[in-house]
């Protein structure tokens, strides 16, 4: 069995995926808040 060295794995792909996920969540939250504000203004 090969010996594992802690911290030796390349995680660039995981970091890029996580950054994309955070960007998507941020955009989604912003769009949702914008839609709610628009709906509140239209119904007032």
N, C-alpha and C. Protein backbone atom coordinates (compact mmCIF):
# COMPACT_ATOMS: atom_id res chain seq x y z
N UNK A 1 0.84 -1.17 0.00
CA UNK A 1 0.00 0.00 0.00
C UNK A 1 0.89 1.24 0.00
N UNK A 2 0.54 2.22 -0.83
CA UNK A 2 1.33 3.44 -0.93
C UNK A 2 1.15 4.30 0.32
N UNK A 3 2.20 4.98 0.70
CA UNK A 3 2.13 5.84 1.87
C UNK A 3 1.55 7.19 1.48
N UNK A 4 0.64 7.68 2.30
CA UNK A 4 -0.02 8.96 2.03
C UNK A 4 0.71 10.06 2.80
N UNK A 5 0.99 11.16 2.10
CA UNK A 5 1.62 12.32 2.73
C UNK A 5 0.57 13.41 2.83
N UNK A 6 0.27 13.83 4.06
CA UNK A 6 -0.75 14.84 4.30
C UNK A 6 -0.39 16.15 3.58
N UNK A 7 -1.35 16.70 2.83
CA UNK A 7 -1.15 17.97 2.15
C UNK A 7 -0.46 17.86 0.80
N UNK A 8 -0.37 16.66 0.25
CA UNK A 8 0.35 16.49 -1.01
C UNK A 8 -0.57 16.42 -2.23
N UNK A 9 -1.87 16.53 -2.04
CA UNK A 9 -2.82 16.41 -3.14
C UNK A 9 -3.06 17.79 -3.76
N UNK A 10 -3.10 17.83 -5.10
CA UNK A 10 -3.38 19.08 -5.81
C UNK A 10 -4.88 19.36 -5.75
N UNK A 11 -5.26 20.49 -5.17
CA UNK A 11 -6.68 20.80 -4.98
C UNK A 11 -7.13 21.99 -5.83
N UNK A 12 -6.41 22.30 -6.89
CA UNK A 12 -6.77 23.46 -7.72
C UNK A 12 -8.15 23.31 -8.35
N UNK A 13 -8.50 22.09 -8.77
CA UNK A 13 -9.81 21.87 -9.39
C UNK A 13 -10.92 22.07 -8.36
N UNK A 14 -10.73 21.55 -7.16
CA UNK A 14 -11.74 21.72 -6.11
C UNK A 14 -11.89 23.19 -5.74
N UNK A 15 -10.80 23.93 -5.66
CA UNK A 15 -10.87 25.35 -5.33
C UNK A 15 -11.61 26.12 -6.42
N UNK A 16 -11.37 25.78 -7.67
CA UNK A 16 -12.04 26.44 -8.79
C UNK A 16 -13.55 26.13 -8.76
N UNK A 17 -13.90 24.88 -8.47
CA UNK A 17 -15.30 24.49 -8.38
C UNK A 17 -16.00 25.22 -7.24
N UNK A 18 -15.33 25.31 -6.08
CA UNK A 18 -15.91 26.01 -4.93
C UNK A 18 -16.10 27.48 -5.23
N UNK A 19 -15.14 28.10 -5.89
CA UNK A 19 -15.26 29.52 -6.25
C UNK A 19 -16.45 29.73 -7.19
N UNK A 20 -16.64 28.82 -8.13
CA UNK A 20 -17.78 28.91 -9.04
C UNK A 20 -19.10 28.75 -8.30
N UNK A 21 -19.13 27.83 -7.34
CA UNK A 21 -20.33 27.62 -6.54
C UNK A 21 -20.67 28.87 -5.73
N UNK A 22 -19.68 29.47 -5.10
CA UNK A 22 -19.91 30.68 -4.31
C UNK A 22 -20.40 31.81 -5.21
N UNK A 23 -19.80 31.94 -6.39
CA UNK A 23 -20.23 32.98 -7.34
C UNK A 23 -21.69 32.75 -7.75
N UNK A 24 -22.07 31.49 -8.02
CA UNK A 24 -23.43 31.17 -8.43
C UNK A 24 -24.42 31.48 -7.30
N UNK A 25 -24.07 31.12 -6.07
CA UNK A 25 -24.95 31.39 -4.93
C UNK A 25 -25.11 32.89 -4.72
N UNK A 26 -24.03 33.65 -4.86
CA UNK A 26 -24.09 35.10 -4.70
C UNK A 26 -25.00 35.74 -5.75
N UNK A 27 -24.83 35.34 -7.00
CA UNK A 27 -25.69 35.85 -8.07
C UNK A 27 -27.14 35.45 -7.84
N UNK A 28 -27.37 34.21 -7.45
CA UNK A 28 -28.73 33.74 -7.20
C UNK A 28 -29.41 34.51 -6.08
N UNK A 29 -28.68 34.77 -5.00
CA UNK A 29 -29.24 35.54 -3.89
C UNK A 29 -29.54 36.97 -4.33
N UNK A 30 -28.64 37.57 -5.07
CA UNK A 30 -28.86 38.94 -5.55
C UNK A 30 -30.06 39.04 -6.47
N UNK A 31 -30.20 38.09 -7.36
CA UNK A 31 -31.35 38.09 -8.28
C UNK A 31 -32.64 37.88 -7.50
N UNK A 32 -32.62 36.97 -6.53
CA UNK A 32 -33.82 36.71 -5.72
C UNK A 32 -34.23 37.95 -4.93
N UNK A 33 -33.27 38.63 -4.33
CA UNK A 33 -33.58 39.86 -3.59
C UNK A 33 -34.12 40.93 -4.54
N UNK A 34 -33.51 41.03 -5.71
CA UNK A 34 -34.00 42.00 -6.70
C UNK A 34 -35.43 41.72 -7.12
N UNK A 35 -35.76 40.46 -7.32
CA UNK A 35 -37.12 40.10 -7.71
C UNK A 35 -38.10 40.43 -6.58
N UNK A 36 -37.71 40.14 -5.33
CA UNK A 36 -38.58 40.44 -4.21
C UNK A 36 -38.81 41.95 -4.05
N UNK A 37 -37.77 42.75 -4.24
CA UNK A 37 -37.91 44.20 -4.17
C UNK A 37 -38.83 44.69 -5.29
N UNK A 38 -38.64 44.17 -6.49
CA UNK A 38 -39.49 44.55 -7.63
C UNK A 38 -40.94 44.21 -7.35
N UNK A 39 -41.18 42.99 -6.84
CA UNK A 39 -42.56 42.58 -6.53
C UNK A 39 -43.18 43.47 -5.45
N UNK A 40 -42.37 43.87 -4.45
CA UNK A 40 -42.88 44.74 -3.39
C UNK A 40 -43.24 46.12 -3.95
N UNK A 41 -42.43 46.64 -4.86
CA UNK A 41 -42.71 47.95 -5.44
C UNK A 41 -43.94 47.91 -6.36
N UNK A 42 -44.11 46.83 -7.08
CA UNK A 42 -45.23 46.73 -8.00
C UNK A 42 -46.55 46.58 -7.24
N UNK A 43 -46.53 45.86 -6.13
CA UNK A 43 -47.75 45.64 -5.35
C UNK A 43 -48.11 46.78 -4.43
N UNK A 44 -47.25 47.76 -4.27
CA UNK A 44 -47.51 48.84 -3.31
C UNK A 44 -48.56 49.79 -3.78
